[in-house]
Amino acid sequence: MVYDDLIRHIQEKNVINLNNLIEPSNLDSSLGELEIQVDPTYELIEKQEEANELLKQVVENTNYLKEIVQINRQTQLSTEELQRVMTSIHEIAKANTKEEADNLLTKALETINKSGETAQNIAILFKILNGIYTMAMIKINQPN
């Protein structure tokens, strides 16, 4: 009875139109009848955003290929020495923690500095090293 009086009072005061209001006793059965529809346009936009993000990651991951080719052409190191330097750089990608990545970064910097490479090529190696370290940090910090 109180419920009906409240609705009548609200309607008389023209506060809100409650003609279609669900009564509390019917709420559970009314909720079962609700249908949630997802706009297909939203799903397409979401998929496009995921694809764009993936493409951005591919570009970031392949940016350093040009530098790797350049260092292979210009190096004064023997194949074995260059392989040792590049291996020390790529080891960072295997890191599972920031501490491990930092330790591997330090080792790679030492390897590069001791390599006897030209200053220009050392700069390229540092750029490659920084890129791989950055990608490792992104991987480490991503929630699973």
N, C-alpha and C. Protein backbone atom coordinates (compact mmCIF):
# COMPACT_ATOMS: atom_id res chain seq x y z
N MET A 1 0.82 -1.19 0.00
CA MET A 1 0.00 0.00 0.00
C MET A 1 0.88 1.26 0.00
N VAL A 2 1.90 1.26 0.76
CA VAL A 2 2.80 2.40 0.83
C VAL A 2 3.44 2.65 -0.53
N TYR A 3 3.77 1.59 -1.24
CA TYR A 3 4.37 1.68 -2.56
C TYR A 3 3.43 2.41 -3.53
N ASP A 4 2.17 2.02 -3.55
CA ASP A 4 1.18 2.65 -4.43
C ASP A 4 1.00 4.13 -4.08
N ASP A 5 0.98 4.44 -2.79
CA ASP A 5 0.84 5.83 -2.36
C ASP A 5 2.05 6.67 -2.81
N LEU A 6 3.22 6.10 -2.71
CA LEU A 6 4.43 6.81 -3.11
C LEU A 6 4.42 7.09 -4.62
N ILE A 7 4.04 6.13 -5.40
CA ILE A 7 3.97 6.31 -6.86
C ILE A 7 2.93 7.37 -7.21
N ARG A 8 1.77 7.29 -6.57
CA ARG A 8 0.71 8.25 -6.84
C ARG A 8 1.19 9.66 -6.49
N HIS A 9 1.87 9.81 -5.36
CA HIS A 9 2.37 11.10 -4.93
C HIS A 9 3.39 11.65 -5.94
N ILE A 10 4.31 10.82 -6.38
CA ILE A 10 5.33 11.26 -7.34
C ILE A 10 4.69 11.65 -8.66
N GLN A 11 3.70 10.87 -9.11
CA GLN A 11 3.04 11.18 -10.38
C GLN A 11 2.21 12.46 -10.27
N GLU A 12 1.58 12.68 -9.13
CA GLU A 12 0.78 13.89 -8.95
C GLU A 12 1.67 15.12 -8.95
N LYS A 13 2.84 15.00 -8.39
CA LYS A 13 3.77 16.13 -8.33
C LYS A 13 4.52 16.29 -9.66
N ASN A 14 4.28 15.37 -10.58
CA ASN A 14 4.89 15.41 -11.91
C ASN A 14 6.42 15.35 -11.83
N VAL A 15 6.92 14.62 -10.84
CA VAL A 15 8.36 14.50 -10.66
C VAL A 15 8.95 13.57 -11.71
N ILE A 16 8.32 12.45 -11.93
CA ILE A 16 8.82 11.47 -12.86
C ILE A 16 7.68 10.57 -13.30
N ASN A 17 7.75 10.07 -14.52
CA ASN A 17 6.72 9.15 -15.00
C ASN A 17 7.14 7.74 -14.64
N LEU A 18 6.38 7.15 -13.75
CA LEU A 18 6.72 5.80 -13.27
C LEU A 18 5.71 4.76 -13.73
N ASN A 19 5.03 5.00 -14.83
CA ASN A 19 4.06 4.03 -15.31
C ASN A 19 4.69 2.69 -15.62
N ASN A 20 5.93 2.71 -16.09
CA ASN A 20 6.58 1.47 -16.48
C ASN A 20 7.53 0.95 -15.40
N LEU A 21 7.41 1.46 -14.21
CA LEU A 21 8.28 1.03 -13.13
C LEU A 21 8.03 -0.42 -12.77
N ILE A 22 9.09 -1.15 -12.54
CA ILE A 22 8.98 -2.56 -12.16
C ILE A 22 8.75 -2.63 -10.66
N GLU A 23 7.77 -3.36 -10.28
CA GLU A 23 7.49 -3.53 -8.85
C GLU A 23 8.59 -4.39 -8.24
N PRO A 24 8.96 -4.10 -6.98
CA PRO A 24 10.03 -4.86 -6.34
C PRO A 24 9.78 -6.36 -6.32
N SER A 25 8.56 -6.78 -6.19
CA SER A 25 8.27 -8.21 -6.13
C SER A 25 8.51 -8.89 -7.47
N ASN A 26 8.48 -8.14 -8.57
CA ASN A 26 8.69 -8.70 -9.90
C ASN A 26 10.10 -8.44 -10.43
N LEU A 27 10.95 -7.85 -9.62
CA LEU A 27 12.26 -7.44 -10.09
C LEU A 27 13.09 -8.61 -10.60
N ASP A 28 13.15 -9.71 -9.86
CA ASP A 28 13.96 -10.86 -10.27
C ASP A 28 13.51 -11.42 -11.61
N SER A 29 12.22 -11.58 -11.81
CA SER A 29 11.73 -12.13 -13.08
C SER A 29 11.93 -11.13 -14.21
N SER A 30 11.84 -9.83 -13.92
CA SER A 30 12.03 -8.82 -14.96
C SER A 30 13.49 -8.76 -15.40
N LEU A 31 14.42 -8.95 -14.48
CA LEU A 31 15.84 -8.92 -14.84
C LEU A 31 16.19 -10.07 -15.77
N GLY A 32 15.53 -11.20 -15.59
CA GLY A 32 15.77 -12.34 -16.46
C GLY A 32 15.35 -12.09 -17.89
N GLU A 33 14.46 -11.16 -18.11
CA GLU A 33 13.97 -10.85 -19.45
C GLU A 33 14.83 -9.83 -20.18
N LEU A 34 15.75 -9.18 -19.48
CA LEU A 34 16.59 -8.16 -20.09
C LEU A 34 17.57 -8.79 -21.08
N GLU A 35 17.79 -8.14 -22.20
CA GLU A 35 18.77 -8.58 -23.18
C GLU A 35 19.79 -7.47 -23.34
N ILE A 36 21.04 -7.83 -23.28
CA ILE A 36 22.10 -6.85 -23.48
C ILE A 36 22.61 -7.04 -24.89
N GLN A 37 22.57 -5.97 -25.66
CA GLN A 37 23.02 -6.03 -27.04
C GLN A 37 24.29 -5.20 -27.18
N VAL A 38 25.29 -5.77 -27.84
CA VAL A 38 26.54 -5.07 -28.08
C VAL A 38 26.50 -4.54 -29.51
N ASP A 39 26.83 -3.29 -29.63
CA ASP A 39 26.85 -2.65 -30.95
C ASP A 39 28.00 -3.25 -31.77
N PRO A 40 27.71 -3.83 -32.95
CA PRO A 40 28.77 -4.43 -33.76
C PRO A 40 29.85 -3.43 -34.17
N THR A 41 29.48 -2.16 -34.30
CA THR A 41 30.45 -1.13 -34.65
C THR A 41 31.50 -1.01 -33.55
N TYR A 42 31.07 -1.10 -32.31
CA TYR A 42 32.00 -1.03 -31.18
C TYR A 42 33.00 -2.19 -31.24
N GLU A 43 32.51 -3.38 -31.55
CA GLU A 43 33.40 -4.55 -31.65
C GLU A 43 34.43 -4.35 -32.76
N LEU A 44 33.99 -3.80 -33.90
CA LEU A 44 34.92 -3.56 -35.00
C LEU A 44 35.97 -2.53 -34.62
N ILE A 45 35.54 -1.48 -33.94
CA ILE A 45 36.49 -0.45 -33.50
C ILE A 45 37.50 -1.05 -32.53
N GLU A 46 37.01 -1.87 -31.62
CA GLU A 46 37.89 -2.51 -30.64
C GLU A 46 38.92 -3.41 -31.35
N LYS A 47 38.46 -4.20 -32.33
CA LYS A 47 39.37 -5.08 -33.06
C LYS A 47 40.37 -4.27 -33.87
N GLN A 48 39.95 -3.14 -34.44
CA GLN A 48 40.85 -2.29 -35.19
C GLN A 48 41.92 -1.69 -34.28
N GLU A 49 41.52 -1.29 -33.08
CA GLU A 49 42.49 -0.75 -32.12
C GLU A 49 43.51 -1.82 -31.73
N GLU A 50 43.06 -3.07 -31.54
CA GLU A 50 43.98 -4.16 -31.22
C GLU A 50 44.95 -4.40 -32.38
N ALA A 51 44.44 -4.37 -33.61
CA ALA A 51 45.28 -4.57 -34.78
C ALA A 51 46.31 -3.44 -34.91
N ASN A 52 45.88 -2.20 -34.67
CA ASN A 52 46.80 -1.07 -34.72
C ASN A 52 47.90 -1.19 -33.68
N GLU A 53 47.54 -1.62 -32.48
CA GLU A 53 48.52 -1.80 -31.41
C GLU A 53 49.53 -2.89 -31.79
N LEU A 54 49.03 -3.97 -32.37
CA LEU A 54 49.91 -5.06 -32.79
C LEU A 54 50.88 -4.57 -33.88
N LEU A 55 50.37 -3.81 -34.84
CA LEU A 55 51.23 -3.27 -35.90
C LEU A 55 52.29 -2.33 -35.33
N LYS A 56 51.90 -1.53 -34.35
CA LYS A 56 52.85 -0.62 -33.71
C LYS A 56 53.97 -1.41 -33.03
N GLN A 57 53.61 -2.52 -32.39
CA GLN A 57 54.63 -3.36 -31.75
C GLN A 57 55.55 -4.00 -32.78
N VAL A 58 55.00 -4.41 -33.92
CA VAL A 58 55.82 -4.99 -34.98
C VAL A 58 56.82 -3.97 -35.49
N VAL A 59 56.36 -2.74 -35.70
CA VAL A 59 57.25 -1.68 -36.17
C VAL A 59 58.36 -1.43 -35.15
N GLU A 60 57.99 -1.36 -33.87
CA GLU A 60 58.99 -1.13 -32.83
C GLU A 60 60.00 -2.28 -32.78
N ASN A 61 59.52 -3.50 -32.94
CA ASN A 61 60.39 -4.67 -32.86
C ASN A 61 61.33 -4.79 -34.06
N THR A 62 60.94 -4.24 -35.19
CA THR A 62 61.76 -4.38 -36.39
C THR A 62 62.56 -3.12 -36.71
N ASN A 63 62.40 -2.07 -35.94
CA ASN A 63 63.15 -0.83 -36.16
C ASN A 63 64.65 -1.05 -36.14
N TYR A 64 65.11 -2.00 -35.37
CA TYR A 64 66.53 -2.18 -35.16
C TYR A 64 67.18 -3.09 -36.20
N LEU A 65 66.39 -3.64 -37.10
CA LEU A 65 66.95 -4.49 -38.15
C LEU A 65 67.89 -3.70 -39.05
N LYS A 66 67.52 -2.46 -39.35
CA LYS A 66 68.36 -1.61 -40.20
C LYS A 66 69.73 -1.40 -39.54
N GLU A 67 69.72 -1.15 -38.23
CA GLU A 67 70.98 -0.95 -37.52
C GLU A 67 71.82 -2.23 -37.48
N ILE A 68 71.14 -3.36 -37.34
CA ILE A 68 71.87 -4.64 -37.30
C ILE A 68 72.54 -4.89 -38.65
N VAL A 69 71.82 -4.64 -39.73
CA VAL A 69 72.41 -4.80 -41.07
C VAL A 69 73.59 -3.85 -41.23
N GLN A 70 73.42 -2.59 -40.79
CA GLN A 70 74.48 -1.60 -40.92
C GLN A 70 75.72 -2.02 -40.13
N ILE A 71 75.52 -2.51 -38.92
CA ILE A 71 76.67 -2.90 -38.10
C ILE A 71 77.37 -4.10 -38.72
N ASN A 72 76.62 -5.00 -39.34
CA ASN A 72 77.24 -6.16 -39.99
C ASN A 72 78.09 -5.75 -41.18
N ARG A 73 77.69 -4.68 -41.86
CA ARG A 73 78.44 -4.21 -43.03
C ARG A 73 79.68 -3.41 -42.63
N GLN A 74 79.58 -2.65 -41.55
CA GLN A 74 80.65 -1.71 -41.21
C GLN A 74 81.60 -2.19 -40.11
N THR A 75 81.32 -3.30 -39.50
CA THR A 75 82.10 -3.71 -38.34
C THR A 75 83.56 -3.98 -38.66
N GLN A 76 84.39 -3.73 -37.67
CA GLN A 76 85.80 -4.08 -37.77
C GLN A 76 86.09 -5.33 -36.94
N LEU A 77 85.03 -5.88 -36.37
CA LEU A 77 85.19 -7.06 -35.54
C LEU A 77 85.16 -8.32 -36.39
N SER A 78 85.78 -9.35 -35.87
CA SER A 78 85.68 -10.65 -36.54
C SER A 78 84.26 -11.18 -36.33
N THR A 79 83.91 -12.17 -37.08
CA THR A 79 82.58 -12.76 -36.96
C THR A 79 82.33 -13.25 -35.54
N GLU A 80 83.32 -13.87 -34.94
CA GLU A 80 83.17 -14.40 -33.58
C GLU A 80 82.98 -13.27 -32.56
N GLU A 81 83.77 -12.21 -32.72
CA GLU A 81 83.65 -11.08 -31.79
C GLU A 81 82.29 -10.40 -31.92
N LEU A 82 81.86 -10.20 -33.16
CA LEU A 82 80.54 -9.58 -33.38
C LEU A 82 79.44 -10.47 -32.82
N GLN A 83 79.58 -11.76 -33.01
CA GLN A 83 78.58 -12.70 -32.47
C GLN A 83 78.53 -12.60 -30.95
N ARG A 84 79.67 -12.50 -30.30
CA ARG A 84 79.72 -12.39 -28.83
C ARG A 84 79.02 -11.10 -28.38
N VAL A 85 79.28 -9.99 -29.08
CA VAL A 85 78.64 -8.71 -28.74
C VAL A 85 77.13 -8.80 -28.92
N MET A 86 76.71 -9.31 -30.08
CA MET A 86 75.27 -9.39 -30.37
C MET A 86 74.57 -10.36 -29.41
N THR A 87 75.23 -11.45 -29.06
CA THR A 87 74.64 -12.39 -28.10
C THR A 87 74.44 -11.73 -26.75
N SER A 88 75.43 -10.95 -26.31
CA SER A 88 75.29 -10.27 -25.01
C SER A 88 74.13 -9.27 -25.05
N ILE A 89 73.91 -8.65 -26.21
CA ILE A 89 72.79 -7.71 -26.34
C ILE A 89 71.47 -8.46 -26.32
N HIS A 90 71.39 -9.54 -27.09
CA HIS A 90 70.13 -10.28 -27.19
C HIS A 90 69.76 -11.05 -25.93
N GLU A 91 70.72 -11.33 -25.07
CA GLU A 91 70.45 -12.01 -23.81
C GLU A 91 69.45 -11.23 -22.95
N ILE A 92 69.46 -9.92 -23.10
CA ILE A 92 68.56 -9.07 -22.30
C ILE A 92 67.11 -9.42 -22.55
N ALA A 93 66.80 -9.82 -23.78
CA ALA A 93 65.41 -10.15 -24.12
C ALA A 93 64.89 -11.33 -23.32
N LYS A 94 65.79 -12.15 -22.78
CA LYS A 94 65.38 -13.33 -22.01
C LYS A 94 65.11 -13.02 -20.54
N ALA A 95 65.39 -11.80 -20.13
CA ALA A 95 65.25 -11.43 -18.72
C ALA A 95 63.80 -11.54 -18.25
N ASN A 96 63.64 -12.02 -17.02
CA ASN A 96 62.31 -12.16 -16.44
C ASN A 96 62.02 -11.12 -15.36
N THR A 97 63.06 -10.43 -14.90
CA THR A 97 62.89 -9.39 -13.88
C THR A 97 63.71 -8.18 -14.27
N LYS A 98 63.39 -7.04 -13.67
CA LYS A 98 64.13 -5.82 -13.94
C LYS A 98 65.58 -5.96 -13.49
N GLU A 99 65.80 -6.60 -12.36
CA GLU A 99 67.16 -6.79 -11.84
C GLU A 99 68.00 -7.61 -12.81
N GLU A 100 67.39 -8.68 -13.33
CA GLU A 100 68.10 -9.53 -14.29
C GLU A 100 68.42 -8.74 -15.57
N ALA A 101 67.45 -7.96 -16.04
CA ALA A 101 67.67 -7.14 -17.24
C ALA A 101 68.77 -6.12 -17.01
N ASP A 102 68.77 -5.50 -15.84
CA ASP A 102 69.81 -4.51 -15.52
C ASP A 102 71.19 -5.15 -15.49
N ASN A 103 71.30 -6.35 -14.89
CA ASN A 103 72.59 -7.05 -14.85
C ASN A 103 73.06 -7.41 -16.26
N LEU A 104 72.13 -7.90 -17.08
CA LEU A 104 72.49 -8.26 -18.45
C LEU A 104 72.85 -7.01 -19.27
N LEU A 105 72.19 -5.89 -18.99
CA LEU A 105 72.51 -4.63 -19.65
C LEU A 105 73.94 -4.21 -19.32
N THR A 106 74.31 -4.30 -18.05
CA THR A 106 75.66 -3.95 -17.63
C THR A 106 76.70 -4.83 -18.32
N LYS A 107 76.43 -6.13 -18.37
CA LYS A 107 77.35 -7.06 -19.04
C LYS A 107 77.48 -6.73 -20.53
N ALA A 108 76.35 -6.42 -21.17
CA ALA A 108 76.38 -6.09 -22.60
C ALA A 108 77.16 -4.81 -22.83
N LEU A 109 76.98 -3.81 -21.97
CA LEU A 109 77.74 -2.55 -22.10
C LEU A 109 79.24 -2.81 -21.98
N GLU A 110 79.63 -3.66 -21.03
CA GLU A 110 81.04 -4.01 -20.87
C GLU A 110 81.58 -4.71 -22.11
N THR A 111 80.78 -5.64 -22.64
CA THR A 111 81.20 -6.37 -23.84
C THR A 111 81.39 -5.43 -25.02
N ILE A 112 80.46 -4.50 -25.19
CA ILE A 112 80.56 -3.53 -26.29
C ILE A 112 81.79 -2.65 -26.10
N ASN A 113 81.99 -2.14 -24.89
CA ASN A 113 83.12 -1.24 -24.63
C ASN A 113 84.47 -1.94 -24.84
N LYS A 114 84.54 -3.23 -24.54
CA LYS A 114 85.79 -3.98 -24.68
C LYS A 114 86.00 -4.51 -26.10
N SER A 115 85.03 -4.32 -26.97
CA SER A 115 85.09 -4.94 -28.30
C SER A 115 86.13 -4.31 -29.23
N GLY A 116 86.49 -3.06 -29.00
CA GLY A 116 87.44 -2.40 -29.89
C GLY A 116 86.78 -1.88 -31.16
N GLU A 117 85.48 -1.81 -31.16
CA GLU A 117 84.72 -1.33 -32.32
C GLU A 117 84.89 0.18 -32.45
N THR A 118 84.63 0.72 -33.65
CA THR A 118 84.72 2.17 -33.88
C THR A 118 83.63 2.88 -33.10
N ALA A 119 83.84 4.16 -32.87
CA ALA A 119 82.87 4.95 -32.10
C ALA A 119 81.50 4.97 -32.77
N GLN A 120 81.47 5.10 -34.09
CA GLN A 120 80.20 5.12 -34.81
C GLN A 120 79.45 3.79 -34.63
N ASN A 121 80.16 2.70 -34.73
CA ASN A 121 79.52 1.39 -34.57
C ASN A 121 79.13 1.12 -33.12
N ILE A 122 79.91 1.65 -32.18
CA ILE A 122 79.53 1.53 -30.77
C ILE A 122 78.22 2.26 -30.53
N ALA A 123 78.07 3.42 -31.14
CA ALA A 123 76.81 4.17 -31.00
C ALA A 123 75.64 3.36 -31.56
N ILE A 124 75.85 2.68 -32.68
CA ILE A 124 74.79 1.84 -33.26
C ILE A 124 74.48 0.66 -32.33
N LEU A 125 75.52 0.05 -31.79
CA LEU A 125 75.32 -1.06 -30.86
C LEU A 125 74.57 -0.61 -29.61
N PHE A 126 74.89 0.58 -29.12
CA PHE A 126 74.17 1.12 -27.96
C PHE A 126 72.70 1.34 -28.29
N LYS A 127 72.43 1.80 -29.50
CA LYS A 127 71.04 2.02 -29.92
C LYS A 127 70.28 0.68 -29.96
N ILE A 128 70.90 -0.33 -30.51
CA ILE A 128 70.28 -1.67 -30.55
C ILE A 128 70.06 -2.17 -29.12
N LEU A 129 71.10 -2.02 -28.31
CA LEU A 129 71.02 -2.45 -26.91
C LEU A 129 69.88 -1.76 -26.18
N ASN A 130 69.75 -0.46 -26.36
CA ASN A 130 68.69 0.31 -25.71
C ASN A 130 67.31 -0.16 -26.18
N GLY A 131 67.17 -0.42 -27.45
CA GLY A 131 65.89 -0.89 -27.98
C GLY A 131 65.49 -2.24 -27.41
N ILE A 132 66.44 -3.15 -27.34
CA ILE A 132 66.13 -4.47 -26.79
C ILE A 132 65.85 -4.38 -25.29
N TYR A 133 66.60 -3.55 -24.59
CA TYR A 133 66.35 -3.36 -23.16
C TYR A 133 64.95 -2.78 -22.93
N THR A 134 64.56 -1.80 -23.74
CA THR A 134 63.23 -1.20 -23.62
C THR A 134 62.14 -2.24 -23.85
N MET A 135 62.31 -3.06 -24.89
CA MET A 135 61.32 -4.10 -25.18
C MET A 135 61.26 -5.14 -24.03
N ALA A 136 62.41 -5.45 -23.46
CA ALA A 136 62.44 -6.38 -22.33
C ALA A 136 61.68 -5.80 -21.14
N MET A 137 61.85 -4.51 -20.90
CA MET A 137 61.14 -3.87 -19.78
C MET A 137 59.64 -3.87 -20.02
N ILE A 138 59.22 -3.66 -21.25
CA ILE A 138 57.80 -3.70 -21.58
C ILE A 138 57.26 -5.10 -21.30
N LYS A 139 57.99 -6.11 -21.74
CA LYS A 139 57.57 -7.50 -21.52
C LYS A 139 57.50 -7.83 -20.03
N ILE A 140 58.48 -7.39 -19.28
CA ILE A 140 58.54 -7.67 -17.85
C ILE A 140 57.39 -6.98 -17.11
N ASN A 141 57.07 -5.76 -17.51
CA ASN A 141 56.05 -4.98 -16.81
C ASN A 141 54.62 -5.24 -17.26
N GLN A 142 54.44 -6.03 -18.32
CA GLN A 142 53.09 -6.35 -18.77
C GLN A 142 52.44 -7.33 -17.81
N PRO A 143 51.19 -7.04 -17.43
CA PRO A 143 50.47 -8.01 -16.58
C PRO A 143 50.15 -9.25 -17.40
N ASN A 144 50.22 -10.39 -16.76
CA ASN A 144 49.94 -11.66 -17.47
C ASN A 144 48.50 -11.88 -17.68
